[in-house]
């Protein structure tokens, strides 16, 4: 019996199935859960100790992009725990936490009369999720002795299509135009007279020229510009944050999701 040739529809079936599967993989929405670590070196009620609290987002979809994003987040957390710039970088957050506690125990063993404990607290959260941008914020407080600890607020902006971080320059279509708006907002907030030197009230901008911070984040409504202590002013002055409504500067941004 002579077999009939397959119809074009049946010939295309495997291709259609493949496209359907790969299409689903690409459009799988990235969601996040929270990973929490709370630990110490023990006997904290009766003696100084090392305390650690860490909360950070974890991308939960089973894709290569989620793995890339989680690697970026973990690297961020691990780097925060590095006390000595010459020390090795741990491979996992859990290892970094244990090393932080062990550093304290080694210091206390060398100096039995240690008058202070160590403290590390890191809080990460997803501020914004769009088709072109996921913006994550990380607040941290680290204390390893001395007059005071150090608090910082940092941001990571991620392309959810590739799992790569954006450089700050990639966030803007017209960075110079945005810079002018940001300077006006900063001057108004910090009461720096228009026309005067940007450092006239005590700031430390390089070359007496206003500059955007390294730390730029996004919410649904605002772009956040944050300068940590020592970036442009003394520790006593603390960090400086400027929030600009998205509606005022959206024409200068390259990473907004389509309306």
Protein backbone atom coordinates (compact mmCIF):
# COMPACT_ATOMS: atom_id res chain seq x y z
CA UNK A 1 0.00 0.00 0.00
CA UNK A 2 1.33 3.37 -1.00
CA UNK A 3 1.70 5.81 1.90
CA UNK A 4 0.30 9.27 1.49
CA UNK A 5 2.66 12.21 1.93
CA UNK A 6 2.29 14.08 5.20
CA UNK A 7 0.33 17.30 4.95
CA UNK A 8 2.22 20.60 5.53
CA UNK A 9 0.49 20.99 8.91
CA UNK A 10 1.91 17.71 10.22
CA UNK A 11 5.36 18.54 8.85
CA UNK A 12 5.32 21.81 10.81
CA UNK A 13 4.05 20.26 14.04
CA UNK A 14 7.48 19.56 15.60
CA UNK A 15 8.61 23.10 14.79
CA UNK A 16 5.46 24.58 16.31
CA UNK A 17 5.92 22.52 19.47
CA UNK A 18 9.55 23.68 19.76
CA UNK A 19 8.60 27.32 19.31
CA UNK A 20 5.83 26.98 21.86
CA UNK A 21 8.18 25.50 24.44
CA UNK A 22 11.00 28.00 23.90
CA UNK A 23 8.52 30.84 23.80
CA UNK A 24 7.18 29.82 27.20
CA UNK A 25 10.71 29.72 28.58
CA UNK A 26 11.43 33.24 27.39
CA UNK A 27 8.22 34.74 28.71
CA UNK A 28 8.27 32.99 32.09
CA UNK A 29 7.89 35.82 34.57
CA UNK A 30 10.70 36.31 37.04
CA UNK A 31 9.38 36.29 40.59
CA UNK A 32 11.26 36.61 43.86
CA UNK A 33 11.16 35.03 47.29
CA UNK A 34 13.11 36.15 50.36
CA UNK A 35 16.04 34.25 51.85
CA UNK A 36 16.67 34.97 55.54
CA UNK A 37 19.68 34.28 57.74
CA UNK A 38 19.78 35.14 61.45
CA UNK A 39 22.68 33.82 63.50
CA UNK A 40 25.26 34.75 66.13
CA UNK A 41 28.30 33.36 67.93
CA UNK A 42 26.30 32.50 71.04
CA UNK A 43 26.05 33.73 74.64
CA UNK A 44 24.94 37.15 73.41
CA UNK A 45 22.79 37.77 76.49
CA UNK A 46 25.76 37.57 78.86
CA UNK A 47 28.70 38.68 76.72
CA UNK A 48 29.69 40.49 73.56
CA UNK A 49 29.23 38.46 70.42
CA UNK A 50 28.90 38.67 66.66
CA UNK A 51 25.35 39.02 65.34
CA UNK A 52 24.26 38.63 61.73
CA UNK A 53 20.91 39.29 60.06
CA UNK A 54 20.60 38.98 56.30
CA UNK A 55 17.46 39.15 54.15
CA UNK A 56 17.76 39.19 50.37
CA UNK A 57 15.63 38.44 47.32
CA UNK A 58 16.05 35.24 45.33
CA UNK A 59 14.78 34.86 41.77
CA UNK A 60 12.64 31.73 41.81
CA UNK A 61 12.02 30.82 38.17
CA UNK A 62 14.01 27.87 36.78
CA UNK A 63 15.80 29.72 34.00
CA UNK A 64 19.39 30.64 33.18
CA UNK A 65 18.44 34.30 33.62
CA UNK A 66 17.25 33.66 37.17
CA UNK A 67 20.57 31.93 37.91
CA UNK A 68 22.47 34.96 36.58
CA UNK A 69 20.40 37.35 38.69
CA UNK A 70 20.90 35.25 41.82
CA UNK A 71 24.64 35.16 41.20
CA UNK A 72 24.66 38.98 41.01
CA UNK A 73 22.67 39.27 44.24
CA UNK A 74 24.84 36.77 46.10
CA UNK A 75 28.02 38.49 44.95
CA UNK A 76 26.63 41.75 46.29
CA UNK A 77 25.91 40.26 49.71
CA UNK A 78 29.24 38.43 49.91
CA UNK A 79 31.18 41.59 49.01
CA UNK A 80 29.51 43.49 51.85
CA UNK A 81 31.03 41.06 54.36
CA UNK A 82 34.62 41.60 53.24
CA UNK A 83 36.45 43.33 56.10
CA UNK A 84 40.01 42.97 54.87
CA UNK A 85 40.43 43.89 51.17
CA UNK A 86 43.25 41.34 50.93
CA UNK A 87 41.19 38.44 52.27
CA UNK A 88 39.72 35.82 49.96
CA UNK A 89 36.19 36.17 48.69
CA UNK A 90 33.85 33.46 49.91
CA UNK A 91 31.84 31.44 47.39
CA UNK A 92 28.46 31.52 49.15
CA UNK A 93 26.55 33.91 51.39
CA UNK A 94 26.47 31.27 54.11
CA UNK A 95 30.28 30.95 53.96
CA UNK A 96 30.63 34.74 54.17
CA UNK A 97 28.41 34.82 57.25
CA UNK A 98 30.41 32.07 58.96
CA UNK A 99 33.69 33.77 58.11
CA UNK A 100 32.40 37.05 59.61
CA UNK A 101 31.59 35.26 62.87
CA UNK A 102 34.92 33.44 62.86
CA UNK A 103 36.77 36.73 62.36
CA UNK A 104 35.16 38.01 65.53
CA UNK A 105 36.04 34.86 67.48
CA UNK A 106 39.66 35.05 66.32
CA UNK A 107 39.88 38.71 67.34
CA UNK A 108 38.34 37.97 70.72
CA UNK A 109 40.73 35.08 71.29
CA UNK A 110 43.68 37.38 70.58
CA UNK A 111 42.19 40.10 72.82
CA UNK A 112 40.19 38.46 75.63
CA UNK A 113 39.05 41.84 76.94
CA UNK A 114 37.32 42.73 73.68
CA UNK A 115 34.91 45.52 74.70
CA UNK A 116 32.64 45.30 71.67
CA UNK A 117 30.89 42.81 69.45
CA UNK A 118 30.56 42.60 65.70
CA UNK A 119 27.30 43.29 63.92
CA UNK A 120 26.18 42.83 60.33
CA UNK A 121 22.69 43.58 59.06
CA UNK A 122 21.84 43.50 55.36
CA UNK A 123 18.38 43.99 53.89
CA UNK A 124 17.74 43.53 50.18
CA UNK A 125 14.47 44.13 48.36
CA UNK A 126 13.05 44.44 44.87
CA UNK A 127 11.88 48.03 44.39
CA UNK A 128 10.65 47.81 40.82
CA UNK A 129 9.88 45.12 38.25
CA UNK A 130 9.23 46.01 34.62
CA UNK A 131 9.83 44.35 31.27
CA UNK A 132 13.09 46.26 30.80
CA UNK A 133 14.22 46.77 34.38
CA UNK A 134 14.34 45.13 37.78
CA UNK A 135 15.69 47.56 40.39
CA UNK A 136 16.97 46.14 43.68
CA UNK A 137 18.00 48.02 46.83
CA UNK A 138 20.42 46.85 49.54
CA UNK A 139 20.74 48.60 52.88
CA UNK A 140 23.52 47.46 55.17
CA UNK A 141 25.02 48.22 58.56
CA UNK A 142 28.41 46.82 59.50
CA UNK A 143 30.20 47.25 62.82
CA UNK A 144 33.58 45.69 63.58
CA UNK A 145 34.81 48.04 66.27
CA UNK A 146 35.76 51.68 66.53
CA UNK A 147 33.70 54.78 67.22
CA UNK A 148 30.83 53.81 64.96
CA UNK A 149 29.64 51.37 62.33
CA UNK A 150 29.03 52.13 58.69
CA UNK A 151 25.64 52.26 57.01
CA UNK A 152 25.20 52.22 53.26
CA UNK A 153 22.44 52.05 50.67
CA UNK A 154 23.21 50.64 47.24
CA UNK A 155 21.24 49.66 44.15
CA UNK A 156 21.51 47.11 41.36
CA UNK A 157 19.61 47.62 38.11
CA UNK A 158 19.13 44.44 36.08
CA UNK A 159 17.94 43.74 32.55
CA UNK A 160 15.42 40.88 33.07
CA UNK A 161 15.78 39.82 29.43
CA UNK A 162 19.49 39.05 29.76
CA UNK A 163 20.15 38.80 33.49
CA UNK A 164 22.91 41.40 33.22
CA UNK A 165 23.32 44.58 35.23
CA UNK A 166 22.94 47.96 33.60
CA UNK A 167 25.79 50.43 33.78
CA UNK A 168 24.49 53.81 34.94
CA UNK A 169 25.12 55.31 31.50
CA UNK A 170 22.78 52.71 29.98
CA UNK A 171 19.88 53.97 32.07
CA UNK A 172 19.60 57.22 30.14
CA UNK A 173 18.88 58.35 26.60
CA UNK A 174 20.14 61.87 27.45
CA UNK A 175 22.32 61.79 30.54
CA UNK A 176 23.41 65.43 30.25
CA UNK A 177 19.81 66.66 30.20
CA UNK A 178 18.97 64.50 33.19
CA UNK A 179 22.08 65.73 35.01
CA UNK A 180 20.83 69.32 34.79
CA UNK A 181 17.48 68.39 36.30
CA UNK A 182 19.15 66.37 39.05
CA UNK A 183 21.46 69.24 39.96
CA UNK A 184 18.53 71.63 40.22
CA UNK A 185 16.73 69.18 42.54
CA UNK A 186 19.85 68.66 44.64
CA UNK A 187 20.53 72.38 45.00
CA UNK A 188 16.94 73.06 46.03
CA UNK A 189 16.88 70.22 48.56
CA UNK A 190 20.24 71.14 50.11
CA UNK A 191 19.61 74.91 49.94
CA UNK A 192 22.60 75.65 47.71
CA UNK A 193 22.10 79.09 46.13
CA UNK A 194 21.61 79.04 42.37
CA UNK A 195 24.72 80.27 40.57
CA UNK A 196 27.04 79.49 43.49
CA UNK A 197 29.69 76.76 43.54
CA UNK A 198 28.13 73.33 44.16
CA UNK A 199 30.57 72.91 47.06
CA UNK A 200 29.85 76.34 48.56
CA UNK A 201 27.95 74.83 51.50
CA UNK A 202 30.54 72.16 52.30
CA UNK A 203 30.06 69.31 49.83
CA UNK A 204 32.98 67.45 48.25
CA UNK A 205 32.07 67.14 44.57
CA UNK A 206 35.19 66.56 42.49
CA UNK A 207 36.35 69.55 40.44
CA UNK A 208 33.54 71.64 41.98
CA UNK A 209 31.13 70.02 39.52
CA UNK A 210 27.87 68.28 40.34
CA UNK A 211 27.93 64.55 39.53
CA UNK A 212 25.39 61.76 39.70
CA UNK A 213 25.95 59.18 42.43
CA UNK A 214 27.05 55.62 41.75
CA UNK A 215 23.86 54.46 43.43
CA UNK A 216 20.75 55.01 41.31
CA UNK A 217 17.53 53.12 41.94
CA UNK A 218 13.95 53.08 40.70
CA UNK A 219 10.48 52.68 42.10
CA UNK A 220 7.24 52.79 40.11
CA UNK A 221 7.00 56.54 40.76
CA UNK A 222 10.52 57.85 41.31
CA UNK A 223 14.15 57.65 40.33
CA UNK A 224 16.33 57.61 43.45
CA UNK A 225 19.78 59.21 43.61
CA UNK A 226 21.68 58.22 46.75
CA UNK A 227 25.06 59.42 48.01
CA UNK A 228 26.42 57.38 50.91
CA UNK A 229 28.40 58.94 53.75
CA UNK A 230 31.88 59.97 52.55
CA UNK A 231 30.76 60.12 48.90
CA UNK A 232 30.22 63.87 48.89
CA UNK A 233 30.25 64.81 52.59
CA UNK A 234 31.46 63.73 56.02
CA UNK A 235 30.18 60.80 58.05
CA UNK A 236 28.45 63.24 60.39
CA UNK A 237 26.40 64.56 57.46
CA UNK A 238 25.20 61.04 56.67
CA UNK A 239 23.86 59.90 53.31
CA UNK A 240 22.00 62.18 50.93
CA UNK A 241 19.01 61.01 48.88
CA UNK A 242 17.22 62.84 46.10
CA UNK A 243 13.99 61.43 44.65
CA UNK A 244 12.73 62.73 41.31
CA UNK A 245 9.26 61.83 39.98
CA UNK A 246 9.48 59.64 36.90
CA UNK A 247 6.91 61.81 35.14
CA UNK A 248 9.31 64.77 35.19
CA UNK A 249 12.24 63.01 33.52
CA UNK A 250 10.84 59.97 31.67
CA UNK A 251 11.95 61.42 28.31
CA UNK A 252 15.57 60.97 29.44
CA UNK A 253 15.24 57.34 30.54
CA UNK A 254 16.06 54.31 28.40
CA UNK A 255 14.73 51.53 30.62
CA UNK A 256 11.06 52.30 31.20
CA UNK A 257 8.53 49.67 30.23
CA UNK A 258 6.15 50.66 27.41
CA UNK A 259 2.99 52.36 28.69
